[in-house]
Amino acid sequence: MKKILTMVILFSFSCAEDKIEPQVNTTRVTKSLLPFRIVEKKDVSYAGTPRMVVRVLVNVEKIPIEDELKRISDALWTDGNTRWAEFTVFLYLPEMNIHSIAYGIGEYRPSGLKEFKTQEIALFGTKWYKPIIDIDDNIVEISRVKDYTIALETSIRGRTLTISVNTNLPDGTKLLIGVKRIYWEKGDDERYAGEIFSEDIVVENGKIKVITKVDDRKWKDEYRTKQIQFAKLNLFPGINRISPKIKVSAMFSPYRNKGNKVLDILGKEGEFMSGKNIRNNLGFNILEATKEIKISIE
């Protein structure tokens, strides 16, 4: 949210990478640092604690050593971010999902670095992962894999939104149904989301139906509260622009179904799920459908 000083890239990403990460921002590369880009900055302050999260894509052709990633993390913290009560840097390798588990993580406090680590599990499901496969066990596991889908339909009447979901996920599966409004802050081109509706709903007969009001007042009030709470730090400069569209989503995550018998079918980590909309997140599979619809701002 707060701008890191404008940086100059010595190495350019390919067009294919730009398509994967369309919101990439330019950052500095020096002789002592690997080439990298900041792909997301997000204020995630909570309960009176100012916190900033930065996601970084490191442009490399082989897995870097931990110290090389730590130097990038340190450089970002010292570049105008030491005032945050909590500052977190997530570092990713090319073609990794930047909204999934990071390969490198740096945690900072005003006093300095609290922890830096790399985690091999983040490479699972990417080109960087080199698995050791037991052939017999692998054949058995593959036989359990099935394609799963979520079809999402919406309709608006006045300010009443109807959400209809059709899926071949097992009955009893919990899906997170969400409705958000995108907005932009003053002096910032980052996208933020105000929450309008969020609830876990159980699939019955392959369907879910939700009817809710599109009320923007709640998230606006929450934003104003944060403005007052963090006024001295100027972390919430005010809303500059609000999208005329809302984003509706229906998402399956095995971690939202812990203890649910459906995981006997789908796998504890969703490993028996496949399909074009499946993505790996934090080492487990997620299935999500989204749709944007236009409705006036309240």
Protein backbone atom coordinates (compact mmCIF):
# COMPACT_ATOMS: atom_id res chain seq x y z
CA MET A 1 0.00 0.00 0.00
CA LYS A 2 2.81 2.42 0.89
CA LYS A 3 5.10 2.78 -2.05
CA ILE A 4 8.56 1.21 -1.99
CA LEU A 5 11.01 3.57 -3.76
CA THR A 6 10.92 3.24 -7.56
CA MET A 7 13.39 0.58 -8.66
CA VAL A 8 15.12 -0.31 -11.94
CA ILE A 9 15.13 -3.86 -13.31
CA LEU A 10 18.35 -5.11 -14.90
CA PHE A 11 16.69 -8.26 -16.20
CA SER A 12 13.33 -8.39 -17.98
CA PHE A 13 10.70 -11.07 -17.56
CA SER A 14 9.38 -12.83 -20.62
CA CYS A 15 5.93 -12.06 -22.11
CA ALA A 16 4.68 -15.39 -20.78
CA GLU A 17 5.56 -14.36 -17.21
CA ASP A 18 3.82 -11.02 -17.66
CA LYS A 19 0.63 -12.88 -18.58
CA ILE A 20 0.88 -15.00 -15.46
CA GLU A 21 1.38 -11.98 -13.20
CA PRO A 22 -0.35 -9.04 -14.94
CA GLN A 23 -0.16 -6.70 -11.94
CA VAL A 24 3.62 -6.87 -11.48
CA ASN A 25 5.31 -3.65 -10.28
CA THR A 26 8.90 -2.73 -11.10
CA THR A 27 11.44 -2.91 -8.28
CA ARG A 28 15.15 -2.36 -7.85
CA VAL A 29 17.87 -4.81 -8.77
CA THR A 30 21.44 -4.14 -7.58
CA LYS A 31 24.66 -6.05 -8.10
CA SER A 32 24.21 -7.72 -4.72
CA LEU A 33 20.61 -8.81 -5.31
CA LEU A 34 18.94 -11.29 -7.62
CA PRO A 35 16.51 -9.71 -10.12
CA PHE A 36 13.01 -9.52 -8.65
CA ARG A 37 9.61 -7.87 -8.94
CA ILE A 38 7.06 -6.85 -6.34
CA VAL A 39 3.77 -8.38 -7.49
CA GLU A 40 1.55 -7.42 -4.58
CA LYS A 41 1.56 -5.12 -1.55
CA LYS A 42 -1.28 -5.45 0.93
CA ASP A 43 -2.16 -3.82 4.24
CA VAL A 44 -3.44 -6.58 6.54
CA SER A 45 -3.51 -4.61 9.79
CA TYR A 46 -5.50 -6.18 12.59
CA ALA A 47 -6.58 -5.46 16.20
CA GLY A 48 -4.56 -2.26 16.48
CA THR A 49 -1.45 -3.82 14.89
CA PRO A 50 -0.21 -2.18 11.63
CA ARG A 51 0.94 -4.99 9.30
CA MET A 52 2.12 -4.96 5.69
CA VAL A 53 2.58 -8.02 3.43
CA VAL A 54 4.70 -7.88 0.26
CA ARG A 55 4.77 -10.69 -2.33
CA VAL A 56 7.87 -10.87 -4.53
CA LEU A 57 8.65 -12.86 -7.67
CA VAL A 58 12.38 -13.65 -8.03
CA ASN A 59 13.55 -14.07 -11.64
CA VAL A 60 15.91 -17.05 -11.54
CA GLU A 61 16.63 -20.16 -13.61
CA LYS A 62 17.62 -22.35 -10.67
CA ILE A 63 16.59 -22.51 -7.03
CA PRO A 64 18.54 -19.78 -5.19
CA ILE A 65 20.27 -20.31 -1.87
CA GLU A 66 18.49 -19.05 1.24
CA ASP A 67 20.94 -16.19 1.82
CA GLU A 68 20.25 -14.75 -1.65
CA LEU A 69 16.53 -14.58 -0.90
CA LYS A 70 17.14 -13.16 2.57
CA ARG A 71 19.13 -10.25 1.07
CA ILE A 72 16.11 -9.30 -1.06
CA SER A 73 13.85 -9.52 1.96
CA ASP A 74 16.18 -7.36 4.07
CA ALA A 75 16.43 -4.74 1.31
CA LEU A 76 12.65 -4.38 1.13
CA TRP A 77 12.31 -4.00 4.89
CA THR A 78 14.98 -1.31 5.17
CA ASP A 79 13.53 0.59 2.21
CA GLY A 80 10.91 2.59 4.13
CA ASN A 81 9.10 -0.28 5.87
CA THR A 82 10.75 -0.36 9.32
CA ARG A 83 7.84 1.57 10.86
CA TRP A 84 5.39 -1.34 10.50
CA ALA A 85 4.69 -3.29 13.70
CA GLU A 86 4.75 -6.40 11.51
CA PHE A 87 6.27 -6.58 8.01
CA THR A 88 6.19 -9.84 6.04
CA VAL A 89 7.92 -10.66 2.74
CA PHE A 90 6.79 -13.69 0.72
CA LEU A 91 9.22 -14.75 -2.05
CA TYR A 92 8.23 -16.91 -5.04
CA LEU A 93 10.06 -18.49 -7.97
CA PRO A 94 8.92 -18.10 -11.62
CA GLU A 95 5.61 -19.82 -12.48
CA MET A 96 4.68 -20.26 -8.80
CA ASN A 97 1.22 -19.09 -7.71
CA ILE A 98 1.83 -15.88 -5.73
CA HIS A 99 -1.34 -16.47 -3.72
CA SER A 100 -0.13 -19.89 -2.64
CA ILE A 101 2.50 -20.84 -0.06
CA ALA A 102 5.77 -18.91 -0.54
CA TYR A 103 9.19 -20.54 -0.94
CA GLY A 104 10.90 -17.85 1.14
CA ILE A 105 9.37 -15.97 4.10
CA GLY A 106 10.83 -13.02 6.00
CA GLU A 107 9.17 -11.76 9.20
CA TYR A 108 10.20 -8.36 10.57
CA ARG A 109 9.43 -6.23 13.61
CA PRO A 110 10.55 -2.64 14.31
CA SER A 111 13.63 -4.07 16.04
CA GLY A 112 14.63 -6.02 12.91
CA LEU A 113 14.41 -9.53 11.46
CA LYS A 114 12.41 -11.98 13.60
CA GLU A 115 12.69 -15.00 11.27
CA PHE A 116 13.65 -15.95 7.73
CA LYS A 117 13.09 -19.40 6.27
CA THR A 118 12.63 -21.35 3.05
CA GLN A 119 10.18 -24.25 2.75
CA GLU A 120 10.40 -27.14 0.31
CA ILE A 121 6.66 -27.84 0.50
CA ALA A 122 6.05 -24.65 -1.49
CA LEU A 123 7.61 -26.29 -4.54
CA PHE A 124 5.02 -29.07 -4.64
CA GLY A 125 2.96 -28.93 -7.84
CA THR A 126 5.44 -26.60 -9.60
CA LYS A 127 8.23 -27.18 -12.13
CA TRP A 128 10.72 -26.81 -9.27
CA TYR A 129 9.42 -29.91 -7.46
CA LYS A 130 11.32 -33.16 -8.05
CA PRO A 131 9.23 -35.99 -6.54
CA ILE A 132 10.37 -39.51 -5.72
CA ILE A 133 7.59 -41.79 -7.00
CA ASP A 134 6.73 -45.29 -5.86
CA ILE A 135 5.31 -46.72 -9.12
CA ASP A 136 2.87 -49.24 -7.56
CA ASP A 137 1.43 -46.74 -5.07
CA ASN A 138 1.22 -44.08 -7.77
CA ILE A 139 -0.95 -46.28 -10.01
CA VAL A 140 -3.41 -46.90 -7.16
CA GLU A 141 -3.62 -43.19 -6.28
CA ILE A 142 -4.16 -42.08 -9.88
CA SER A 143 -7.17 -44.39 -10.16
CA ARG A 144 -8.92 -42.30 -7.48
CA VAL A 145 -8.44 -38.96 -9.26
CA LYS A 146 -11.56 -37.36 -10.80
CA ASP A 147 -12.42 -34.09 -12.53
CA TYR A 148 -14.53 -31.73 -10.41
CA THR A 149 -16.30 -28.52 -11.39
CA ILE A 150 -18.25 -25.64 -9.89
CA ALA A 151 -20.77 -23.80 -12.10
CA LEU A 152 -21.75 -20.39 -10.73
CA GLU A 153 -24.82 -18.39 -11.79
CA THR A 154 -26.06 -15.06 -10.40
CA SER A 155 -29.05 -12.78 -10.78
CA ILE A 156 -29.89 -9.33 -9.38
CA ARG A 157 -33.25 -7.84 -8.57
CA GLY A 158 -33.00 -4.43 -6.98
CA ARG A 159 -30.28 -4.97 -4.39
CA THR A 160 -31.12 -8.63 -3.84
CA LEU A 161 -28.50 -11.02 -5.17
CA THR A 162 -29.29 -14.67 -5.88
CA ILE A 163 -26.32 -17.05 -6.16
CA SER A 164 -26.85 -20.53 -7.63
CA VAL A 165 -24.14 -23.20 -7.59
CA ASN A 166 -24.13 -26.53 -9.45
CA THR A 167 -21.27 -28.92 -8.74
CA ASN A 168 -20.29 -32.59 -8.90
CA LEU A 169 -18.51 -32.31 -5.55
CA PRO A 170 -19.97 -34.81 -3.04
CA ASP A 171 -23.05 -33.82 -1.06
CA GLY A 172 -21.98 -32.51 2.34
CA THR A 173 -19.05 -30.56 0.91
CA LYS A 174 -18.69 -27.07 2.36
CA LEU A 175 -18.14 -24.24 -0.12
CA LEU A 176 -17.15 -20.72 0.90
CA ILE A 177 -19.58 -18.36 -0.83
CA GLY A 178 -18.26 -14.81 -0.98
CA VAL A 179 -19.29 -11.41 -2.32
CA LYS A 180 -16.78 -8.54 -2.44
CA ARG A 181 -16.56 -4.99 -3.82
CA ILE A 182 -13.25 -3.86 -5.34
CA TYR A 183 -11.96 -0.37 -4.47
CA TRP A 184 -8.81 1.77 -4.77
CA GLU A 185 -7.26 4.10 -2.21
CA LYS A 186 -5.99 7.65 -2.78
CA GLY A 187 -2.49 7.74 -4.23
CA ASP A 188 -2.41 3.97 -4.76
CA ASP A 189 -3.17 1.74 -7.77
CA GLU A 190 -3.49 -1.48 -5.73
CA ARG A 191 -6.86 -3.30 -5.73
CA TYR A 192 -8.56 -3.86 -2.37
CA ALA A 193 -11.76 -5.77 -1.55
CA GLY A 194 -14.58 -4.82 0.80
CA GLU A 195 -16.45 -7.85 2.13
CA ILE A 196 -20.22 -7.89 1.57
CA PHE A 197 -20.98 -11.57 2.25
CA SER A 198 -18.92 -14.58 3.35
CA GLU A 199 -20.26 -17.91 4.61
CA ASP A 200 -19.59 -21.66 4.39
CA ILE A 201 -22.58 -23.39 2.76
CA VAL A 202 -23.10 -27.18 2.43
CA VAL A 203 -23.74 -28.81 -0.96
CA GLU A 204 -27.07 -30.67 -1.15
CA ASN A 205 -28.09 -32.66 -4.23
CA GLY A 206 -25.18 -31.06 -6.08
CA LYS A 207 -26.53 -27.55 -5.48
CA ILE A 208 -26.26 -24.45 -3.31
CA LYS A 209 -28.55 -21.44 -3.37
CA VAL A 210 -27.89 -18.18 -1.51
CA ILE A 211 -30.00 -15.03 -1.44
CA THR A 212 -28.45 -11.93 0.12
CA LYS A 213 -28.59 -8.13 0.03
CA VAL A 214 -25.75 -6.21 -1.60
CA ASP A 215 -25.01 -3.75 1.20
CA ASP A 216 -21.81 -1.68 0.88
CA ARG A 217 -22.27 0.14 4.18
CA LYS A 218 -20.63 -2.51 6.38
CA TRP A 219 -17.24 -2.60 4.64
CA LYS A 220 -17.24 1.19 4.24
CA ASP A 221 -17.85 1.61 7.98
CA GLU A 222 -15.04 -0.86 8.73
CA TYR A 223 -12.69 1.17 6.52
CA ARG A 224 -13.58 4.43 8.31
CA THR A 225 -12.95 2.75 11.67
CA LYS A 226 -9.46 1.74 10.53
CA GLN A 227 -8.81 5.30 9.31
CA ILE A 228 -9.48 6.61 12.80
CA GLN A 229 -7.61 3.76 14.51
CA PHE A 230 -4.43 4.26 12.46
CA ALA A 231 -4.75 8.02 11.84
CA LYS A 232 -1.26 8.81 13.16
CA LEU A 233 0.34 6.28 10.81
CA ASN A 234 -1.71 7.44 7.79
CA LEU A 235 -2.16 3.84 6.69
CA PHE A 236 -5.67 4.42 5.36
CA PRO A 237 -5.58 7.61 3.23
CA GLY A 238 -9.18 7.29 2.08
CA ILE A 239 -11.06 5.66 -0.78
CA ASN A 240 -10.41 7.21 -4.17
CA ARG A 241 -12.51 4.98 -6.43
CA ILE A 242 -14.98 2.10 -6.09
CA SER A 243 -15.69 -0.45 -8.81
CA PRO A 244 -19.28 -0.55 -10.14
CA LYS A 245 -18.93 -4.35 -10.11
CA ILE A 246 -18.99 -6.91 -7.31
CA LYS A 247 -17.05 -10.19 -7.36
CA VAL A 248 -18.99 -13.34 -6.46
CA SER A 249 -17.09 -16.55 -5.68
CA ALA A 250 -17.70 -20.17 -4.65
CA MET A 251 -14.59 -21.93 -3.33
CA PHE A 252 -13.77 -25.42 -2.08
CA SER A 253 -10.80 -25.89 0.25
CA PRO A 254 -9.99 -29.12 2.12
CA TYR A 255 -8.92 -26.99 5.09
CA ARG A 256 -12.46 -25.64 5.37
CA ASN A 257 -13.70 -29.27 5.37
CA LYS A 258 -11.46 -30.74 8.08
CA GLY A 259 -13.19 -33.65 9.79
CA ASN A 260 -15.67 -33.88 6.91
CA LYS A 261 -16.23 -37.36 5.43
CA VAL A 262 -16.14 -35.90 1.90
CA LEU A 263 -12.35 -35.79 2.24
CA ASP A 264 -12.37 -39.61 2.12
CA ILE A 265 -13.41 -39.10 -1.52
CA LEU A 266 -11.56 -35.89 -2.38
CA GLY A 267 -8.39 -36.55 -0.38
CA LYS A 268 -7.23 -34.89 2.83
CA GLU A 269 -5.33 -32.33 0.75
CA GLY A 270 -7.74 -32.48 -2.20
CA GLU A 271 -5.18 -34.66 -3.98
CA PHE A 272 -7.84 -36.73 -5.76
CA MET A 273 -9.27 -33.64 -7.46
CA SER A 274 -8.38 -32.58 -10.99
CA GLY A 275 -9.76 -30.15 -13.57
CA LYS A 276 -8.90 -26.90 -15.33
CA ASN A 277 -9.93 -24.72 -12.37
CA ILE A 278 -7.98 -26.64 -9.74
CA ARG A 279 -5.04 -24.74 -8.26
CA ASN A 280 -2.52 -25.72 -5.62
CA ASN A 281 -2.44 -23.51 -2.52
CA LEU A 282 -0.22 -24.08 0.53
CA GLY A 283 0.33 -27.67 -0.60
CA PHE A 284 -3.35 -28.57 -1.06
CA ASN A 285 -5.81 -28.31 -3.95
CA ILE A 286 -8.47 -25.61 -4.22
CA LEU A 287 -11.40 -25.38 -6.65
CA GLU A 288 -12.98 -21.97 -7.22
CA ALA A 289 -15.47 -20.32 -9.56
CA THR A 290 -15.84 -16.52 -9.76
CA LYS A 291 -18.07 -14.06 -11.53
CA GLU A 292 -18.24 -10.25 -11.71
CA ILE A 293 -21.58 -8.49 -11.99
CA LYS A 294 -22.51 -4.83 -12.17
CA ILE A 295 -24.58 -3.28 -9.39
CA SER A 296 -24.63 0.32 -8.19
CA ILE A 297 -22.64 1.38 -5.13
CA GLU A 298 -24.74 1.97 -2.05
